[in-house]
């Protein structure tokens, strides 16, 4: 006889953790401090990265 292993499905809360807000446009932006000068534009820029999903955006100063 074999052993029966319980199969636990992830709940909806665990499955979509941190994604639903970003999908609706409510990102949690943090400033990235490494690269502050854009060579192509030739000026200082502020880079933001979403803490939840990792999406990036650039804003010129």
C-alpha atoms as a PDB file:
ATOM      1  CA  UNK A   1       0.000   0.000   0.000  1.00  0.00           C
ATOM      2  CA  UNK A   2       1.112   3.539  -0.635  1.00  0.00           C
ATOM      3  CA  UNK A   3       0.889   6.491   1.650  1.00  0.00           C
ATOM      4  CA  UNK A   4      -1.647   9.177   0.867  1.00  0.00           C
ATOM      5  CA  UNK A   5      -0.065  12.625   0.851  1.00  0.00           C
ATOM      6  CA  UNK A   6      -2.254  15.635   1.560  1.00  0.00           C
ATOM      7  CA  UNK A   7      -2.246  18.148  -1.283  1.00  0.00           C
ATOM      8  CA  UNK A   8      -2.474  21.736  -0.110  1.00  0.00           C
ATOM      9  CA  UNK A   9      -3.480  24.301  -2.708  1.00  0.00           C
ATOM     10  CA  UNK A  10      -2.248  27.836  -2.146  1.00  0.00           C
ATOM     11  CA  UNK A  11      -5.014  30.128  -1.056  1.00  0.00           C
ATOM     12  CA  UNK A  12      -5.999  33.087  -3.214  1.00  0.00           C
ATOM     13  CA  UNK A  13      -4.276  35.365  -0.713  1.00  0.00           C
ATOM     14  CA  UNK A  14      -0.968  33.515  -1.053  1.00  0.00           C
ATOM     15  CA  UNK A  15      -1.287  33.085  -4.815  1.00  0.00           C
ATOM     16  CA  UNK A  16      -1.849  36.764  -5.641  1.00  0.00           C
ATOM     17  CA  UNK A  17       0.183  38.321  -2.828  1.00  0.00           C
ATOM     18  CA  UNK A  18       1.478  41.736  -3.896  1.00  0.00           C
ATOM     19  CA  UNK A  19       0.229  41.486  -7.476  1.00  0.00           C
ATOM     20  CA  UNK A  20      -3.335  42.750  -7.347  1.00  0.00           C
ATOM     21  CA  UNK A  21      -2.453  46.272  -6.234  1.00  0.00           C
ATOM     22  CA  UNK A  22       0.223  46.639  -8.905  1.00  0.00           C
ATOM     23  CA  UNK A  23      -2.092  45.298 -11.581  1.00  0.00           C
ATOM     24  CA  UNK A  24      -4.574  48.029 -10.627  1.00  0.00           C
ATOM     25  CA  UNK A  25      -1.885  50.728 -10.904  1.00  0.00           C
ATOM     26  CA  UNK A  26      -1.078  51.130  -7.203  1.00  0.00           C
ATOM     27  CA  UNK A  27       2.652  50.431  -7.198  1.00  0.00           C
ATOM     28  CA  UNK A  28       4.879  50.857  -4.153  1.00  0.00           C
ATOM     29  CA  UNK A  29       7.686  52.978  -5.637  1.00  0.00           C
ATOM     30  CA  UNK A  30      11.147  53.161  -4.054  1.00  0.00           C
ATOM     31  CA  UNK A  31      14.038  55.313  -5.260  1.00  0.00           C
ATOM     32  CA  UNK A  32      17.002  53.425  -6.748  1.00  0.00           C
ATOM     33  CA  UNK A  33      20.194  55.265  -5.815  1.00  0.00           C
ATOM     34  CA  UNK A  34      22.816  53.469  -7.940  1.00  0.00           C
ATOM     35  CA  UNK A  35      22.646  55.087 -11.374  1.00  0.00           C
ATOM     36  CA  UNK A  36      21.534  58.738 -11.184  1.00  0.00           C
ATOM     37  CA  UNK A  37      22.981  60.023 -14.466  1.00  0.00           C
ATOM     38  CA  UNK A  38      21.554  58.983 -17.840  1.00  0.00           C
ATOM     39  CA  UNK A  39      24.228  59.043 -20.541  1.00  0.00           C
ATOM     40  CA  UNK A  40      21.797  59.078 -23.469  1.00  0.00           C
ATOM     41  CA  UNK A  41      19.780  62.019 -22.143  1.00  0.00           C
ATOM     42  CA  UNK A  42      22.857  63.718 -20.666  1.00  0.00           C
ATOM     43  CA  UNK A  43      21.148  64.735 -17.439  1.00  0.00           C
ATOM     44  CA  UNK A  44      20.297  63.596 -13.945  1.00  0.00           C
ATOM     45  CA  UNK A  45      17.355  61.252 -13.593  1.00  0.00           C
ATOM     46  CA  UNK A  46      15.485  59.625 -10.731  1.00  0.00           C
ATOM     47  CA  UNK A  47      14.888  55.887 -11.108  1.00  0.00           C
ATOM     48  CA  UNK A  48      12.012  54.242  -9.253  1.00  0.00           C
ATOM     49  CA  UNK A  49      11.440  50.510  -8.759  1.00  0.00           C
ATOM     50  CA  UNK A  50       8.271  48.902  -7.449  1.00  0.00           C
ATOM     51  CA  UNK A  51       8.919  46.985  -4.262  1.00  0.00           C
ATOM     52  CA  UNK A  52       6.240  44.384  -5.022  1.00  0.00           C
ATOM     53  CA  UNK A  53       6.471  43.559  -8.737  1.00  0.00           C
ATOM     54  CA  UNK A  54       9.861  44.976  -9.804  1.00  0.00           C
ATOM     55  CA  UNK A  55       8.575  47.354 -12.499  1.00  0.00           C
ATOM     56  CA  UNK A  56      10.802  50.379 -13.114  1.00  0.00           C
ATOM     57  CA  UNK A  57      10.131  53.951 -14.167  1.00  0.00           C
ATOM     58  CA  UNK A  58      12.462  56.877 -14.872  1.00  0.00           C
ATOM     59  CA  UNK A  59      11.731  60.506 -14.136  1.00  0.00           C
ATOM     60  CA  UNK A  60      13.909  63.364 -15.431  1.00  0.00           C
ATOM     61  CA  UNK A  61      14.792  66.072 -12.962  1.00  0.00           C
END
